[in-house]
Amino acid sequence: MQDAESPLTVFIASPLEPKHVDRIRAVDPIRITVLYEPDLLPPTRYIADHKGREDFRRTPEREGRWLGALRRADILWDFPAAQPEASDIRDLAPKPK
């Protein structure tokens, strides 16, 4: 369990509007690192689409970056819509709390 002064990494795992990402970052920019890489997420189909296109697939390089971000995360903002075959999110984002 983390204490109130420990740094935290938040991984935003679904499409989110930049203004909301900025609001999350502004909560505590010294203690909280926000990982948000839109190129790792499905393109949105309309405003406020937090799921993105269902046919989206990451390249192997982007999949590696995405998995790396999951492993670094203390907090997962939303569950990713697309996961590697037969994966359990607890195996992909293994940091214990």
PDB file of N, CA and C in Angstrom:
ATOM      1  N   MET A   1       0.835  -1.179   0.000  1.00  0.00           N
ATOM      2  CA  MET A   1       0.000   0.000   0.000  1.00  0.00           C
ATOM      3  C   MET A   1       0.879   1.241   0.000  1.00  0.00           C
ATOM      4  N   GLN A   2       0.484   2.239  -0.749  1.00  0.00           N
ATOM      5  CA  GLN A   2       1.263   3.455  -0.860  1.00  0.00           C
ATOM      6  C   GLN A   2       0.836   4.473   0.182  1.00  0.00           C
ATOM      7  N   ASP A   3       1.835   5.228   0.675  1.00  0.00           N
ATOM      8  CA  ASP A   3       1.487   6.287   1.608  1.00  0.00           C
ATOM      9  C   ASP A   3       1.123   7.553   0.820  1.00  0.00           C
ATOM     10  N   ALA A   4       0.652   8.554   1.524  1.00  0.00           N
ATOM     11  CA  ALA A   4       0.144   9.770   0.890  1.00  0.00           C
ATOM     12  C   ALA A   4       1.223  10.559   0.150  1.00  0.00           C
ATOM     13  N   GLU A   5       2.490  10.301   0.439  1.00  0.00           N
ATOM     14  CA  GLU A   5       3.580  11.047  -0.195  1.00  0.00           C
ATOM     15  C   GLU A   5       4.257  10.290  -1.334  1.00  0.00           C
ATOM     16  N   SER A   6       3.921   9.022  -1.541  1.00  0.00           N
ATOM     17  CA  SER A   6       4.555   8.225  -2.595  1.00  0.00           C
ATOM     18  C   SER A   6       4.112   8.689  -3.966  1.00  0.00           C
ATOM     19  N   PRO A   7       5.044   8.683  -4.942  1.00  0.00           N
ATOM     20  CA  PRO A   7       4.638   9.036  -6.303  1.00  0.00           C
ATOM     21  C   PRO A   7       3.709   7.969  -6.885  1.00  0.00           C
ATOM     22  N   LEU A   8       2.807   8.400  -7.741  1.00  0.00           N
ATOM     23  CA  LEU A   8       1.861   7.498  -8.379  1.00  0.00           C
ATOM     24  C   LEU A   8       1.927   7.661  -9.885  1.00  0.00           C
ATOM     25  N   THR A   9       1.733   6.559 -10.594  1.00  0.00           N
ATOM     26  CA  THR A   9       1.650   6.595 -12.043  1.00  0.00           C
ATOM     27  C   THR A   9       0.247   6.182 -12.450  1.00  0.00           C
ATOM     28  N   VAL A  10      -0.422   7.064 -13.180  1.00  0.00           N
ATOM     29  CA  VAL A  10      -1.771   6.815 -13.680  1.00  0.00           C
ATOM     30  C   VAL A  10      -1.650   6.542 -15.176  1.00  0.00           C
ATOM     31  N   PHE A  11      -2.151   5.397 -15.616  1.00  0.00           N
ATOM     32  CA  PHE A  11      -2.171   5.086 -17.049  1.00  0.00           C
ATOM     33  C   PHE A  11      -3.601   5.209 -17.546  1.00  0.00           C
ATOM     34  N   ILE A  12      -3.811   6.143 -18.465  1.00  0.00           N
ATOM     35  CA  ILE A  12      -5.130   6.321 -19.069  1.00  0.00           C
ATOM     36  C   ILE A  12      -5.201   5.356 -20.244  1.00  0.00           C
ATOM     37  N   ALA A  13      -6.011   4.303 -20.085  1.00  0.00           N
ATOM     38  CA  ALA A  13      -6.000   3.168 -21.007  1.00  0.00           C
ATOM     39  C   ALA A  13      -7.131   3.181 -22.024  1.00  0.00           C
ATOM     40  N   SER A  14      -7.809   4.304 -22.153  1.00  0.00           N
ATOM     41  CA  SER A  14      -8.847   4.434 -23.173  1.00  0.00           C
ATOM     42  C   SER A  14      -8.839   5.882 -23.660  1.00  0.00           C
ATOM     43  N   PRO A  15      -9.403   6.138 -24.829  1.00  0.00           N
ATOM     44  CA  PRO A  15      -9.392   7.509 -25.347  1.00  0.00           C
ATOM     45  C   PRO A  15     -10.063   8.481 -24.370  1.00  0.00           C
ATOM     46  N   LEU A  16      -9.426   9.626 -24.195  1.00  0.00           N
ATOM     47  CA  LEU A  16      -9.949  10.643 -23.298  1.00  0.00           C
ATOM     48  C   LEU A  16      -9.594  12.010 -23.879  1.00  0.00           C
ATOM     49  N   GLU A  17     -10.495  12.947 -23.776  1.00  0.00           N
ATOM     50  CA  GLU A  17     -10.260  14.276 -24.314  1.00  0.00           C
ATOM     51  C   GLU A  17      -9.081  14.930 -23.593  1.00  0.00           C
ATOM     52  N   PRO A  18      -8.244  15.661 -24.343  1.00  0.00           N
ATOM     53  CA  PRO A  18      -7.058  16.298 -23.746  1.00  0.00           C
ATOM     54  C   PRO A  18      -7.371  17.169 -22.533  1.00  0.00           C
ATOM     55  N   LYS A  19      -8.503  17.867 -22.535  1.00  0.00           N
ATOM     56  CA  LYS A  19      -8.819  18.723 -21.387  1.00  0.00           C
ATOM     57  C   LYS A  19      -8.992  17.888 -20.115  1.00  0.00           C
ATOM     58  N   HIS A  20      -9.483  16.674 -20.233  1.00  0.00           N
ATOM     59  CA  HIS A  20      -9.640  15.810 -19.057  1.00  0.00           C
ATOM     60  C   HIS A  20      -8.290  15.237 -18.619  1.00  0.00           C
ATOM     61  N   VAL A  21      -7.443  14.917 -19.573  1.00  0.00           N
ATOM     62  CA  VAL A  21      -6.087  14.458 -19.243  1.00  0.00           C
ATOM     63  C   VAL A  21      -5.367  15.573 -18.485  1.00  0.00           C
ATOM     64  N   ASP A  22      -5.487  16.807 -18.971  1.00  0.00           N
ATOM     65  CA  ASP A  22      -4.848  17.943 -18.299  1.00  0.00           C
ATOM     66  C   ASP A  22      -5.377  18.133 -16.883  1.00  0.00           C
ATOM     67  N   ARG A  23      -6.670  17.926 -16.684  1.00  0.00           N
ATOM     68  CA  ARG A  23      -7.257  18.069 -15.334  1.00  0.00           C
ATOM     69  C   ARG A  23      -6.696  17.004 -14.380  1.00  0.00           C
ATOM     70  N   ILE A  24      -6.504  15.780 -14.885  1.00  0.00           N
ATOM     71  CA  ILE A  24      -5.929  14.718 -14.052  1.00  0.00           C
ATOM     72  C   ILE A  24      -4.488  15.071 -13.702  1.00  0.00           C
ATOM     73  N   ARG A  25      -3.717  15.532 -14.684  1.00  0.00           N
ATOM     74  CA  ARG A  25      -2.326  15.922 -14.434  1.00  0.00           C
ATOM     75  C   ARG A  25      -2.232  17.053 -13.410  1.00  0.00           C
ATOM     76  N   ALA A  26      -3.187  17.967 -13.437  1.00  0.00           N
ATOM     77  CA  ALA A  26      -3.142  19.145 -12.571  1.00  0.00           C
ATOM     78  C   ALA A  26      -3.432  18.829 -11.108  1.00  0.00           C
ATOM     79  N   VAL A  27      -3.951  17.660 -10.804  1.00  0.00           N
ATOM     80  CA  VAL A  27      -4.282  17.309  -9.417  1.00  0.00           C
ATOM     81  C   VAL A  27      -3.053  17.428  -8.526  1.00  0.00           C
ATOM     82  N   ASP A  28      -1.936  16.864  -8.961  1.00  0.00           N
ATOM     83  CA  ASP A  28      -0.692  16.930  -8.192  1.00  0.00           C
ATOM     84  C   ASP A  28       0.458  16.615  -9.149  1.00  0.00           C
ATOM     85  N   PRO A  29       0.900  17.613  -9.936  1.00  0.00           N
ATOM     86  CA  PRO A  29       1.897  17.352 -10.969  1.00  0.00           C
ATOM     87  C   PRO A  29       3.258  16.889 -10.445  1.00  0.00           C
ATOM     88  N   ILE A  30       3.521  17.098  -9.185  1.00  0.00           N
ATOM     89  CA  ILE A  30       4.796  16.652  -8.619  1.00  0.00           C
ATOM     90  C   ILE A  30       4.726  15.172  -8.253  1.00  0.00           C
ATOM     91  N   ARG A  31       3.638  14.756  -7.675  1.00  0.00           N
ATOM     92  CA  ARG A  31       3.516  13.384  -7.170  1.00  0.00           C
ATOM     93  C   ARG A  31       2.891  12.417  -8.181  1.00  0.00           C
ATOM     94  N   ILE A  32       2.120  12.924  -9.143  1.00  0.00           N
ATOM     95  CA  ILE A  32       1.398  12.048 -10.058  1.00  0.00           C
ATOM     96  C   ILE A  32       1.973  12.166 -11.466  1.00  0.00           C
ATOM     97  N   THR A  33       2.361  11.037 -12.019  1.00  0.00           N
ATOM     98  CA  THR A  33       2.773  10.947 -13.413  1.00  0.00           C
ATOM     99  C   THR A  33       1.617  10.360 -14.191  1.00  0.00           C
ATOM    100  N   VAL A  34       1.204  11.040 -15.239  1.00  0.00           N
ATOM    101  CA  VAL A  34       0.102  10.551 -16.071  1.00  0.00           C
ATOM    102  C   VAL A  34       0.678  10.044 -17.379  1.00  0.00           C
ATOM    103  N   LEU A  35       0.421   8.776 -17.667  1.00  0.00           N
ATOM    104  CA  LEU A  35       0.810   8.183 -18.940  1.00  0.00           C
ATOM    105  C   LEU A  35      -0.411   8.216 -19.850  1.00  0.00           C
ATOM    106  N   TYR A  36      -0.316   9.003 -20.904  1.00  0.00           N
ATOM    107  CA  TYR A  36      -1.400   9.061 -21.876  1.00  0.00           C
ATOM    108  C   TYR A  36      -0.765   9.211 -23.242  1.00  0.00           C
ATOM    109  N   GLU A  37      -0.862   8.168 -24.028  1.00  0.00           N
ATOM    110  CA  GLU A  37      -0.277   8.150 -25.362  1.00  0.00           C
ATOM    111  C   GLU A  37      -1.378   7.802 -26.351  1.00  0.00           C
ATOM    112  N   PRO A  38      -2.008   8.818 -26.939  1.00  0.00           N
ATOM    113  CA  PRO A  38      -3.141   8.570 -27.830  1.00  0.00           C
ATOM    114  C   PRO A  38      -2.837   7.628 -28.992  1.00  0.00           C
ATOM    115  N   ASP A  39      -1.576   7.589 -29.449  1.00  0.00           N
ATOM    116  CA  ASP A  39      -1.264   6.687 -30.564  1.00  0.00           C
ATOM    117  C   ASP A  39      -1.318   5.210 -30.161  1.00  0.00           C
ATOM    118  N   LEU A  40      -1.421   4.925 -28.866  1.00  0.00           N
ATOM    119  CA  LEU A  40      -1.550   3.543 -28.397  1.00  0.00           C
ATOM    120  C   LEU A  40      -3.013   3.135 -28.236  1.00  0.00           C
ATOM    121  N   LEU A  41      -3.923   4.080 -28.454  1.00  0.00           N
ATOM    122  CA  LEU A  41      -5.341   3.850 -28.204  1.00  0.00           C
ATOM    123  C   LEU A  41      -6.132   3.901 -29.502  1.00  0.00           C
ATOM    124  N   PRO A  42      -7.309   3.257 -29.514  1.00  0.00           N
ATOM    125  CA  PRO A  42      -8.123   3.282 -30.734  1.00  0.00           C
ATOM    126  C   PRO A  42      -8.566   4.699 -31.089  1.00  0.00           C
ATOM    127  N   PRO A  43      -8.569   5.022 -32.390  1.00  0.00           N
ATOM    128  CA  PRO A  43      -9.098   6.332 -32.798  1.00  0.00           C
ATOM    129  C   PRO A  43     -10.575   6.432 -32.406  1.00  0.00           C
ATOM    130  N   THR A  44     -10.965   7.620 -31.995  1.00  0.00           N
ATOM    131  CA  THR A  44     -12.358   7.811 -31.605  1.00  0.00           C
ATOM    132  C   THR A  44     -13.240   7.963 -32.842  1.00  0.00           C
ATOM    133  N   ARG A  45     -14.500   7.627 -32.662  1.00  0.00           N
ATOM    134  CA  ARG A  45     -15.478   7.694 -33.751  1.00  0.00           C
ATOM    135  C   ARG A  45     -16.326   8.949 -33.674  1.00  0.00           C
ATOM    136  N   TYR A  46     -16.392   9.563 -32.498  1.00  0.00           N
ATOM    137  CA  TYR A  46     -17.209  10.752 -32.277  1.00  0.00           C
ATOM    138  C   TYR A  46     -16.749  11.404 -30.983  1.00  0.00           C
ATOM    139  N   ILE A  47     -17.194  12.626 -30.713  1.00  0.00           N
ATOM    140  CA  ILE A  47     -16.826  13.333 -29.483  1.00  0.00           C
ATOM    141  C   ILE A  47     -17.298  12.519 -28.281  1.00  0.00           C
ATOM    142  N   ALA A  48     -16.438  12.412 -27.299  1.00  0.00           N
ATOM    143  CA  ALA A  48     -16.705  11.674 -26.058  1.00  0.00           C
ATOM    144  C   ALA A  48     -16.781  10.160 -26.266  1.00  0.00           C
ATOM    145  N   ASP A  49     -16.205   9.656 -27.351  1.00  0.00           N
ATOM    146  CA  ASP A  49     -16.108   8.205 -27.569  1.00  0.00           C
ATOM    147  C   ASP A  49     -14.910   7.703 -26.778  1.00  0.00           C
ATOM    148  N   HIS A  50     -15.157   7.051 -25.666  1.00  0.00           N
ATOM    149  CA  HIS A  50     -14.072   6.582 -24.804  1.00  0.00           C
ATOM    150  C   HIS A  50     -13.762   5.110 -25.035  1.00  0.00           C
ATOM    151  N   LYS A  51     -14.267   4.579 -26.114  1.00  0.00           N
ATOM    152  CA  LYS A  51     -13.967   3.195 -26.472  1.00  0.00           C
ATOM    153  C   LYS A  51     -13.137   3.141 -27.748  1.00  0.00           C
ATOM    154  N   GLY A  52     -13.491   3.929 -28.727  1.00  0.00           N
ATOM    155  CA  GLY A  52     -12.762   3.947 -29.991  1.00  0.00           C
ATOM    156  C   GLY A  52     -13.224   2.849 -30.940  1.00  0.00           C
ATOM    157  N   ARG A  53     -12.597   2.824 -32.101  1.00  0.00           N
ATOM    158  CA  ARG A  53     -12.967   1.844 -33.128  1.00  0.00           C
ATOM    159  C   ARG A  53     -12.698   0.420 -32.661  1.00  0.00           C
ATOM    160  N   GLU A  54     -13.660  -0.454 -32.889  1.00  0.00           N
ATOM    161  CA  GLU A  54     -13.549  -1.846 -32.440  1.00  0.00           C
ATOM    162  C   GLU A  54     -12.531  -2.651 -33.235  1.00  0.00           C
ATOM    163  N   ASP A  55     -12.218  -2.241 -34.452  1.00  0.00           N
ATOM    164  CA  ASP A  55     -11.275  -2.985 -35.288  1.00  0.00           C
ATOM    165  C   ASP A  55      -9.822  -2.537 -35.092  1.00  0.00           C
ATOM    166  N   PHE A  56      -9.579  -1.680 -34.114  1.00  0.00           N
ATOM    167  CA  PHE A  56      -8.243  -1.144 -33.866  1.00  0.00           C
ATOM    168  C   PHE A  56      -7.274  -2.244 -33.419  1.00  0.00           C
ATOM    169  N   ARG A  57      -6.080  -2.227 -33.987  1.00  0.00           N
ATOM    170  CA  ARG A  57      -4.997  -3.137 -33.592  1.00  0.00           C
ATOM    171  C   ARG A  57      -3.709  -2.335 -33.510  1.00  0.00           C
ATOM    172  N   ARG A  58      -2.944  -2.528 -32.447  1.00  0.00           N
ATOM    173  CA  ARG A  58      -1.646  -1.878 -32.309  1.00  0.00           C
ATOM    174  C   ARG A  58      -0.589  -2.651 -33.092  1.00  0.00           C
ATOM    175  N   THR A  59       0.421  -1.925 -33.574  1.00  0.00           N
ATOM    176  CA  THR A  59       1.578  -2.580 -34.181  1.00  0.00           C
ATOM    177  C   THR A  59       2.338  -3.294 -33.060  1.00  0.00           C
ATOM    178  N   PRO A  60       3.222  -4.222 -33.381  1.00  0.00           N
ATOM    179  CA  PRO A  60       4.007  -4.873 -32.312  1.00  0.00           C
ATOM    180  C   PRO A  60       4.794  -3.865 -31.459  1.00  0.00           C
ATOM    181  N   GLU A  61       5.338  -2.823 -32.077  1.00  0.00           N
ATOM    182  CA  GLU A  61       6.086  -1.811 -31.319  1.00  0.00           C
ATOM    183  C   GLU A  61       5.153  -1.074 -30.366  1.00  0.00           C
ATOM    184  N   ARG A  62       3.983  -0.685 -30.838  1.00  0.00           N
ATOM    185  CA  ARG A  62       3.028   0.017 -29.982  1.00  0.00           C
ATOM    186  C   ARG A  62       2.471  -0.905 -28.902  1.00  0.00           C
ATOM    187  N   GLU A  63       2.282  -2.162 -29.223  1.00  0.00           N
ATOM    188  CA  GLU A  63       1.811  -3.124 -28.214  1.00  0.00           C
ATOM    189  C   GLU A  63       2.828  -3.237 -27.080  1.00  0.00           C
ATOM    190  N   GLY A  64       4.108  -3.244 -27.420  1.00  0.00           N
ATOM    191  CA  GLY A  64       5.154  -3.284 -26.398  1.00  0.00           C
ATOM    192  C   GLY A  64       5.133  -2.052 -25.509  1.00  0.00           C
ATOM    193  N   ARG A  65       4.939  -0.884 -26.107  1.00  0.00           N
ATOM    194  CA  ARG A  65       4.839   0.359 -25.322  1.00  0.00           C
ATOM    195  C   ARG A  65       3.612   0.339 -24.426  1.00  0.00           C
ATOM    196  N   TRP A  66       2.492  -0.171 -24.965  1.00  0.00           N
ATOM    197  CA  TRP A  66       1.241  -0.230 -24.198  1.00  0.00           C
ATOM    198  C   TRP A  66       1.399  -1.165 -22.992  1.00  0.00           C
ATOM    199  N   LEU A  67       1.976  -2.325 -23.214  1.00  0.00           N
ATOM    200  CA  LEU A  67       2.196  -3.269 -22.120  1.00  0.00           C
ATOM    201  C   LEU A  67       3.164  -2.693 -21.084  1.00  0.00           C
ATOM    202  N   GLY A  68       4.178  -1.964 -21.539  1.00  0.00           N
ATOM    203  CA  GLY A  68       5.110  -1.316 -20.623  1.00  0.00           C
ATOM    204  C   GLY A  68       4.406  -0.296 -19.740  1.00  0.00           C
ATOM    205  N   ALA A  69       3.503   0.477 -20.327  1.00  0.00           N
ATOM    206  CA  ALA A  69       2.743   1.460 -19.538  1.00  0.00           C
ATOM    207  C   ALA A  69       1.851   0.756 -18.520  1.00  0.00           C
ATOM    208  N   LEU A  70       1.219  -0.343 -18.920  1.00  0.00           N
ATOM    209  CA  LEU A  70       0.389  -1.102 -17.967  1.00  0.00           C
ATOM    210  C   LEU A  70       1.216  -1.593 -16.787  1.00  0.00           C
ATOM    211  N   ARG A  71       2.426  -2.061 -17.056  1.00  0.00           N
ATOM    212  CA  ARG A  71       3.281  -2.577 -15.976  1.00  0.00           C
ATOM    213  C   ARG A  71       3.732  -1.481 -15.022  1.00  0.00           C
ATOM    214  N   ARG A  72       3.866  -0.257 -15.529  1.00  0.00           N
ATOM    215  CA  ARG A  72       4.304   0.878 -14.696  1.00  0.00           C
ATOM    216  C   ARG A  72       3.181   1.447 -13.850  1.00  0.00           C
ATOM    217  N   ALA A  73       1.942   1.197 -14.233  1.00  0.00           N
ATOM    218  CA  ALA A  73       0.791   1.881 -13.632  1.00  0.00           C
ATOM    219  C   ALA A  73       0.529   1.463 -12.190  1.00  0.00           C
ATOM    220  N   ASP A  74       0.285   2.466 -11.367  1.00  0.00           N
ATOM    221  CA  ASP A  74      -0.256   2.244 -10.029  1.00  0.00           C
ATOM    222  C   ASP A  74      -1.778   2.327 -10.089  1.00  0.00           C
ATOM    223  N   ILE A  75      -2.259   3.186 -10.993  1.00  0.00           N
ATOM    224  CA  ILE A  75      -3.693   3.392 -11.173  1.00  0.00           C
ATOM    225  C   ILE A  75      -4.003   3.240 -12.651  1.00  0.00           C
ATOM    226  N   LEU A  76      -4.987   2.449 -12.959  1.00  0.00           N
ATOM    227  CA  LEU A  76      -5.431   2.252 -14.336  1.00  0.00           C
ATOM    228  C   LEU A  76      -6.732   3.023 -14.515  1.00  0.00           C
ATOM    229  N   TRP A  77      -6.699   4.050 -15.370  1.00  0.00           N
ATOM    230  CA  TRP A  77      -7.888   4.851 -15.645  1.00  0.00           C
ATOM    231  C   TRP A  77      -8.638   4.180 -16.770  1.00  0.00           C
ATOM    232  N   ASP A  78      -9.689   3.489 -16.439  1.00  0.00           N
ATOM    233  CA  ASP A  78     -10.528   2.759 -17.377  1.00  0.00           C
ATOM    234  C   ASP A  78      -9.835   1.443 -17.770  1.00  0.00           C
ATOM    235  N   PHE A  79     -10.642   0.491 -18.118  1.00  0.00           N
ATOM    236  CA  PHE A  79     -10.105  -0.772 -18.588  1.00  0.00           C
ATOM    237  C   PHE A  79      -9.995  -0.717 -20.095  1.00  0.00           C
ATOM    238  N   PRO A  80      -8.889  -1.167 -20.633  1.00  0.00           N
ATOM    239  CA  PRO A  80      -8.730  -1.121 -22.082  1.00  0.00           C
ATOM    240  C   PRO A  80      -9.764  -1.991 -22.784  1.00  0.00           C
ATOM    241  N   ALA A  81     -10.300  -1.491 -23.880  1.00  0.00           N
ATOM    242  CA  ALA A  81     -11.300  -2.241 -24.641  1.00  0.00           C
ATOM    243  C   ALA A  81     -10.666  -3.459 -25.310  1.00  0.00           C
ATOM    244  N   ALA A  82      -9.486  -3.296 -25.850  1.00  0.00           N
ATOM    245  CA  ALA A  82      -8.817  -4.396 -26.545  1.00  0.00           C
ATOM    246  C   ALA A  82      -7.624  -4.862 -25.716  1.00  0.00           C
ATOM    247  N   GLN A  83      -7.541  -6.156 -25.489  1.00  0.00           N
ATOM    248  CA  GLN A  83      -6.422  -6.737 -24.766  1.00  0.00           C
ATOM    249  C   GLN A  83      -5.858  -7.882 -25.591  1.00  0.00           C
ATOM    250  N   PRO A  84      -4.587  -8.207 -25.385  1.00  0.00           N
ATOM    251  CA  PRO A  84      -4.041  -9.370 -26.079  1.00  0.00           C
ATOM    252  C   PRO A  84      -4.885 -10.612 -25.777  1.00  0.00           C
ATOM    253  N   GLU A  85      -4.930 -11.501 -26.715  1.00  0.00           N
ATOM    254  CA  GLU A  85      -5.724 -12.731 -26.558  1.00  0.00           C
ATOM    255  C   GLU A  85      -5.409 -13.435 -25.240  1.00  0.00           C
ATOM    256  N   ALA A  86      -6.444 -13.921 -24.586  1.00  0.00           N
ATOM    257  CA  ALA A  86      -6.347 -14.741 -23.367  1.00  0.00           C
ATOM    258  C   ALA A  86      -5.592 -14.045 -22.240  1.00  0.00           C
ATOM    259  N   SER A  87      -5.669 -12.713 -22.158  1.00  0.00           N
ATOM    260  CA  SER A  87      -4.976 -11.980 -21.097  1.00  0.00           C
ATOM    261  C   SER A  87      -5.937 -11.619 -19.976  1.00  0.00           C
ATOM    262  N   ASP A  88      -5.406 -11.631 -18.797  1.00  0.00           N
ATOM    263  CA  ASP A  88      -6.131 -11.156 -17.626  1.00  0.00           C
ATOM    264  C   ASP A  88      -5.477  -9.829 -17.252  1.00  0.00           C
ATOM    265  N   ILE A  89      -6.253  -8.794 -17.053  1.00  0.00           N
ATOM    266  CA  ILE A  89      -5.711  -7.472 -16.762  1.00  0.00           C
ATOM    267  C   ILE A  89      -4.786  -7.497 -15.547  1.00  0.00           C
ATOM    268  N   ARG A  90      -5.026  -8.404 -14.607  1.00  0.00           N
ATOM    269  CA  ARG A  90      -4.153  -8.493 -13.423  1.00  0.00           C
ATOM    270  C   ARG A  90      -2.769  -9.001 -13.794  1.00  0.00           C
ATOM    271  N   ASP A  91      -2.661  -9.769 -14.866  1.00  0.00           N
ATOM    272  CA  ASP A  91      -1.344 -10.216 -15.332  1.00  0.00           C
ATOM    273  C   ASP A  91      -0.636  -9.115 -16.120  1.00  0.00           C
ATOM    274  N   LEU A  92      -1.418  -8.288 -16.806  1.00  0.00           N
ATOM    275  CA  LEU A  92      -0.836  -7.222 -17.619  1.00  0.00           C
ATOM    276  C   LEU A  92      -0.409  -6.032 -16.778  1.00  0.00           C
ATOM    277  N   ALA A  93      -1.136  -5.742 -15.705  1.00  0.00           N
ATOM    278  CA  ALA A  93      -0.841  -4.624 -14.822  1.00  0.00           C
ATOM    279  C   ALA A  93      -0.619  -5.190 -13.414  1.00  0.00           C
ATOM    280  N   PRO A  94       0.545  -5.795 -13.194  1.00  0.00           N
ATOM    281  CA  PRO A  94       0.748  -6.602 -11.984  1.00  0.00           C
ATOM    282  C   PRO A  94       1.109  -5.875 -10.698  1.00  0.00           C
ATOM    283  N   LYS A  95       1.248  -4.549 -10.696  1.00  0.00           N
ATOM    284  CA  LYS A  95       1.667  -3.875  -9.460  1.00  0.00           C
ATOM    285  C   LYS A  95       0.664  -4.136  -8.341  1.00  0.00           C
ATOM    286  N   PRO A  96       1.099  -4.732  -7.240  1.00  0.00           N
ATOM    287  CA  PRO A  96       0.180  -4.975  -6.116  1.00  0.00           C
ATOM    288  C   PRO A  96      -0.092  -3.687  -5.359  1.00  0.00           C
ATOM    289  N   LYS A  97      -1.262  -3.620  -4.773  1.00  0.00           N
ATOM    290  CA  LYS A  97      -1.638  -2.445  -3.959  1.00  0.00           C
ATOM    291  C   LYS A  97      -1.913  -2.890  -2.553  1.00  0.00           C
TER     292      LYS A  97
END
